[in-house]
C-alpha atoms as a PDB file:
ATOM      1  CA  UNK A   1       0.000   0.000   0.000  1.00  0.00           C
ATOM      2  CA  UNK A   2       2.725   2.345   0.905  1.00  0.00           C
ATOM      3  CA  UNK A   3       4.358   1.707  -2.444  1.00  0.00           C
ATOM      4  CA  UNK A   4       1.088   2.295  -4.249  1.00  0.00           C
ATOM      5  CA  UNK A   5       0.639   5.550  -2.390  1.00  0.00           C
ATOM      6  CA  UNK A   6       4.135   6.577  -3.287  1.00  0.00           C
ATOM      7  CA  UNK A   7       3.527   5.822  -6.958  1.00  0.00           C
ATOM      8  CA  UNK A   8       0.318   7.827  -6.884  1.00  0.00           C
ATOM      9  CA  UNK A   9       2.136  10.637  -5.182  1.00  0.00           C
ATOM     10  CA  UNK A  10       4.778  10.622  -7.889  1.00  0.00           C
ATOM     11  CA  UNK A  11       2.144  10.662 -10.620  1.00  0.00           C
ATOM     12  CA  UNK A  12       0.445  13.624  -8.982  1.00  0.00           C
ATOM     13  CA  UNK A  13       3.797  15.450  -8.816  1.00  0.00           C
ATOM     14  CA  UNK A  14       4.480  14.737 -12.462  1.00  0.00           C
ATOM     15  CA  UNK A  15       1.079  16.059 -13.447  1.00  0.00           C
ATOM     16  CA  UNK A  16       1.680  19.190 -11.412  1.00  0.00           C
ATOM     17  CA  UNK A  17       4.952  19.742 -13.196  1.00  0.00           C
ATOM     18  CA  UNK A  18       3.310  19.301 -16.577  1.00  0.00           C
ATOM     19  CA  UNK A  19       0.609  21.771 -15.668  1.00  0.00           C
ATOM     20  CA  UNK A  20       3.226  24.285 -14.530  1.00  0.00           C
ATOM     21  CA  UNK A  21       5.137  23.885 -17.772  1.00  0.00           C
ATOM     22  CA  UNK A  22       1.970  24.462 -19.755  1.00  0.00           C
ATOM     23  CA  UNK A  23       1.250  27.570 -17.736  1.00  0.00           C
ATOM     24  CA  UNK A  24       4.713  28.904 -18.379  1.00  0.00           C
ATOM     25  CA  UNK A  25       4.335  28.301 -22.086  1.00  0.00           C
ATOM     26  CA  UNK A  26       0.984  30.016 -22.041  1.00  0.00           C
ATOM     27  CA  UNK A  27       2.514  33.046 -20.316  1.00  0.00           C
ATOM     28  CA  UNK A  28       5.289  33.223 -22.898  1.00  0.00           C
ATOM     29  CA  UNK A  29       2.755  33.128 -25.699  1.00  0.00           C
ATOM     30  CA  UNK A  30       0.780  35.937 -24.072  1.00  0.00           C
ATOM     31  CA  UNK A  31       3.909  38.049 -23.668  1.00  0.00           C
ATOM     32  CA  UNK A  32       4.747  37.650 -27.337  1.00  0.00           C
ATOM     33  CA  UNK A  33       1.181  38.597 -28.282  1.00  0.00           C
ATOM     34  CA  UNK A  34       1.339  41.694 -26.093  1.00  0.00           C
ATOM     35  CA  UNK A  35       4.588  42.739 -27.709  1.00  0.00           C
ATOM     36  CA  UNK A  36       3.143  42.296 -31.167  1.00  0.00           C
ATOM     37  CA  UNK A  37       0.098  44.310 -30.189  1.00  0.00           C
ATOM     38  CA  UNK A  38       2.317  47.100 -28.936  1.00  0.00           C
ATOM     39  CA  UNK A  39       4.321  47.106 -32.128  1.00  0.00           C
ATOM     40  CA  UNK A  40       1.140  47.339 -34.184  1.00  0.00           C
ATOM     41  CA  UNK A  41      -0.045  50.290 -32.111  1.00  0.00           C
ATOM     42  CA  UNK A  42       3.295  52.049 -32.460  1.00  0.00           C
ATOM     43  CA  UNK A  43       3.191  51.475 -36.209  1.00  0.00           C
ATOM     44  CA  UNK A  44      -0.291  53.003 -36.383  1.00  0.00           C
ATOM     45  CA  UNK A  45       0.839  56.019 -34.378  1.00  0.00           C
ATOM     46  CA  UNK A  46       3.805  56.466 -36.662  1.00  0.00           C
ATOM     47  CA  UNK A  47       1.522  56.401 -39.696  1.00  0.00           C
ATOM     48  CA  UNK A  48      -0.780  58.988 -38.154  1.00  0.00           C
ATOM     49  CA  UNK A  49       2.170  61.273 -37.503  1.00  0.00           C
ATOM     50  CA  UNK A  50       3.337  60.888 -41.100  1.00  0.00           C
ATOM     51  CA  UNK A  51      -0.145  61.669 -42.416  1.00  0.00           C
ATOM     52  CA  UNK A  52      -0.284  64.799 -40.300  1.00  0.00           C
ATOM     53  CA  UNK A  53       3.090  65.901 -41.583  1.00  0.00           C
ATOM     54  CA  UNK A  54       1.980  65.381 -45.166  1.00  0.00           C
ATOM     55  CA  UNK A  55      -1.141  67.460 -44.566  1.00  0.00           C
ATOM     56  CA  UNK A  56       0.891  70.262 -43.034  1.00  0.00           C
ATOM     57  CA  UNK A  57       3.295  70.128 -45.955  1.00  0.00           C
ATOM     58  CA  UNK A  58       0.387  70.442 -48.390  1.00  0.00           C
ATOM     59  CA  UNK A  59      -1.005  73.412 -46.488  1.00  0.00           C
ATOM     60  CA  UNK A  60       2.369  75.131 -46.572  1.00  0.00           C
ATOM     61  CA  UNK A  61       2.615  74.586 -50.321  1.00  0.00           C
ATOM     62  CA  UNK A  62      -0.879  75.984 -50.841  1.00  0.00           C
ATOM     63  CA  UNK A  63       0.040  79.058 -48.840  1.00  0.00           C
ATOM     64  CA  UNK A  64       3.159  79.555 -50.914  1.00  0.00           C
ATOM     65  CA  UNK A  65       1.118  79.341 -54.107  1.00  0.00           C
ATOM     66  CA  UNK A  66      -1.312  81.924 -52.748  1.00  0.00           C
ATOM     67  CA  UNK A  67       1.548  84.239 -51.898  1.00  0.00           C
ATOM     68  CA  UNK A  68       2.943  83.868 -55.417  1.00  0.00           C
ATOM     69  CA  UNK A  69      -0.460  84.673 -56.906  1.00  0.00           C
ATOM     70  CA  UNK A  70      -0.748  87.751 -54.722  1.00  0.00           C
ATOM     71  CA  UNK A  71       2.684  88.925 -55.819  1.00  0.00           C
ATOM     72  CA  UNK A  72       1.748  88.462 -59.471  1.00  0.00           C
ATOM     73  CA  UNK A  73      -1.427  90.459 -58.951  1.00  0.00           C
ATOM     74  CA  UNK A  74       0.574  93.126 -57.215  1.00  0.00           C
ATOM     75  CA  UNK A  75       2.922  93.353 -60.199  1.00  0.00           C
ATOM     76  CA  UNK A  76      -0.010  93.636 -62.594  1.00  0.00           C
ATOM     77  CA  UNK A  77      -1.490  96.447 -60.525  1.00  0.00           C
ATOM     78  CA  UNK A  78       1.836  98.279 -60.550  1.00  0.00           C
ATOM     79  CA  UNK A  79       2.114  97.893 -64.317  1.00  0.00           C
ATOM     80  CA  UNK A  80      -1.375  99.289 -64.751  1.00  0.00           C
ATOM     81  CA  UNK A  81      -0.457 102.232 -62.561  1.00  0.00           C
ATOM     82  CA  UNK A  82       2.619 102.928 -64.669  1.00  0.00           C
ATOM     83  CA  UNK A  83       0.523 102.818 -67.838  1.00  0.00           C
ATOM     84  CA  UNK A  84      -1.953 105.167 -66.236  1.00  0.00           C
ATOM     85  CA  UNK A  85       0.833 107.596 -65.421  1.00  0.00           C
ATOM     86  CA  UNK A  86       2.138 107.438 -68.978  1.00  0.00           C
ATOM     87  CA  UNK A  87      -1.317 108.165 -70.352  1.00  0.00           C
ATOM     88  CA  UNK A  88      -1.630 111.163 -68.030  1.00  0.00           C
ATOM     89  CA  UNK A  89       1.758 112.466 -69.151  1.00  0.00           C
ATOM     90  CA  UNK A  90       0.747 112.126 -72.780  1.00  0.00           C
ATOM     91  CA  UNK A  91      -2.469 113.991 -72.060  1.00  0.00           C
ATOM     92  CA  UNK A  92      -0.517 116.809 -70.487  1.00  0.00           C
ATOM     93  CA  UNK A  93       1.740 117.026 -73.515  1.00  0.00           C
ATOM     94  CA  UNK A  94      -1.272 117.155 -75.826  1.00  0.00           C
ATOM     95  CA  UNK A  95      -2.811 119.941 -73.737  1.00  0.00           C
ATOM     96  CA  UNK A  96       0.438 121.885 -73.840  1.00  0.00           C
ATOM     97  CA  UNK A  97       0.609 121.513 -77.595  1.00  0.00           C
ATOM     98  CA  UNK A  98      -2.976 122.682 -77.919  1.00  0.00           C
ATOM     99  CA  UNK A  99      -2.219 125.732 -75.842  1.00  0.00           C
ATOM    100  CA  UNK A 100       0.740 126.518 -78.054  1.00  0.00           C
ATOM    101  CA  UNK A 101      -1.416 126.158 -81.160  1.00  0.00           C
ATOM    102  CA  UNK A 102      -4.056 128.449 -79.680  1.00  0.00           C
ATOM    103  CA  UNK A 103      -1.476 131.057 -78.959  1.00  0.00           C
END
């Protein structure tokens, strides 16, 4: 009987060890899964940051284009002003000539 009890005891011990090993394996698997999950989240964050940067870059480019357009308009306005001045000068000359003719 004592021997039988001892054998049973040993079997129980062996089973306990097996169960512990399985638990350890399970924990390792869970750790790996957690790590992978973290990496996925970090990847997603990284992508979000890159998207934001792209958007900002686009906005900056749009602003630069607007500024260029404004400068072009400004130049056109200045040209028109110059033309206007020339026309006024010509008018003055014509008036002077007329006065001379009248005299």
